[in-house]
Amino acid sequence: MNGIYLSRTNLDAAFDDNGQQVKPLMARLTGNVAGVEKLFDRCGWKAVSYSDTSPMLFKLLTAGISGFDNNHTGGDSSG
């Protein structure tokens, strides 16, 4: 079973009042992480591993956020 775990505080801080992502969203991904990454990619998101010491911790990014791969070929980037 796949899981996506977010902190409410981090979720609020990652988006502005207009719903635009302004900084990376930290998330813990469990289960079939490669499958979840493919799903994010199709939706215009990128999951970037945050730490070698915590392999399930990721930064979730949309286009326009520092660290997003400009060669991204997934779906739209409306976030």
Protein backbone atom coordinates (compact mmCIF):
# COMPACT_ATOMS: atom_id res chain seq x y z
CA MET A 1 0.00 0.00 0.00
CA ASN A 2 1.35 3.41 -0.96
CA GLY A 3 1.32 6.32 1.43
CA ILE A 4 1.95 10.06 1.19
CA TYR A 5 2.44 11.76 4.55
CA LEU A 6 2.44 15.56 4.88
CA SER A 7 2.72 17.97 7.76
CA ARG A 8 -0.17 20.47 7.80
CA THR A 9 2.28 23.23 8.82
CA ASN A 10 4.58 22.40 5.90
CA LEU A 11 1.62 22.17 3.51
CA ASP A 12 0.42 25.64 4.52
CA ALA A 13 3.93 27.11 4.21
CA ALA A 14 4.56 25.58 0.76
CA PHE A 15 1.65 27.39 -0.93
CA ASP A 16 0.55 31.03 -1.07
CA ASP A 17 -3.00 32.33 -0.68
CA ASN A 18 -3.58 31.87 -4.44
CA GLY A 19 -2.68 28.18 -4.30
CA GLN A 20 0.69 28.62 -6.03
CA GLN A 21 3.60 26.60 -4.69
CA VAL A 22 6.23 28.97 -3.29
CA LYS A 23 8.66 26.48 -1.75
CA PRO A 24 9.22 22.72 -1.73
CA LEU A 25 6.67 20.57 0.05
CA MET A 26 8.27 17.98 2.31
CA ALA A 27 6.61 14.55 2.27
CA ARG A 28 7.28 11.02 3.40
CA LEU A 29 6.50 8.47 0.67
CA THR A 30 6.01 4.79 1.48
CA GLY A 31 5.15 1.66 -0.47
CA ASN A 32 5.90 1.57 -4.19
CA VAL A 33 7.76 4.90 -4.26
CA ALA A 34 8.75 4.48 -7.94
CA GLY A 35 5.06 4.13 -8.85
CA VAL A 36 4.14 7.20 -6.80
CA GLU A 37 6.94 9.16 -8.51
CA LYS A 38 5.50 8.19 -11.92
CA LEU A 39 2.07 9.40 -10.81
CA PHE A 40 3.53 12.72 -9.62
CA ASP A 41 5.39 13.06 -12.93
CA ARG A 42 2.16 12.65 -14.91
CA CYS A 43 0.61 15.42 -12.82
CA GLY A 44 3.47 17.90 -13.33
CA TRP A 45 5.16 17.26 -9.98
CA LYS A 46 8.64 16.04 -9.19
CA ALA A 47 9.63 14.06 -6.09
CA VAL A 48 13.26 14.71 -5.16
CA SER A 49 14.95 12.56 -2.52
CA TYR A 50 15.77 14.83 0.40
CA SER A 51 18.36 12.83 2.31
CA ASP A 52 20.50 9.73 2.01
CA THR A 53 19.94 9.12 5.72
CA SER A 54 16.14 9.22 5.41
CA PRO A 55 15.34 7.49 2.10
CA MET A 56 11.56 7.96 2.38
CA LEU A 57 11.76 11.75 2.79
CA PHE A 58 11.15 13.75 -0.41
CA LYS A 59 10.76 17.34 -1.57
CA LEU A 60 7.72 17.69 -3.85
CA LEU A 61 8.10 20.37 -6.51
CA THR A 62 6.10 21.83 -9.38
CA ALA A 63 7.52 23.75 -12.37
CA GLY A 64 8.77 27.18 -11.35
CA ILE A 65 10.11 26.00 -7.99
CA SER A 66 13.89 25.95 -7.52
CA GLY A 67 15.18 22.41 -8.00
CA PHE A 68 12.57 21.36 -10.58
CA ASP A 69 14.17 19.72 -13.63
CA ASN A 70 13.51 22.01 -16.60
CA ASN A 71 13.65 18.95 -18.87
CA HIS A 72 10.59 17.52 -17.10
CA THR A 73 8.23 15.95 -19.62
CA GLY A 74 5.27 15.00 -17.42
CA GLY A 75 1.76 16.42 -17.44
CA ASP A 76 0.76 20.03 -16.93
CA SER A 77 2.49 21.95 -14.16
CA SER A 78 -0.52 23.66 -12.65
CA GLY A 79 0.27 21.92 -9.33
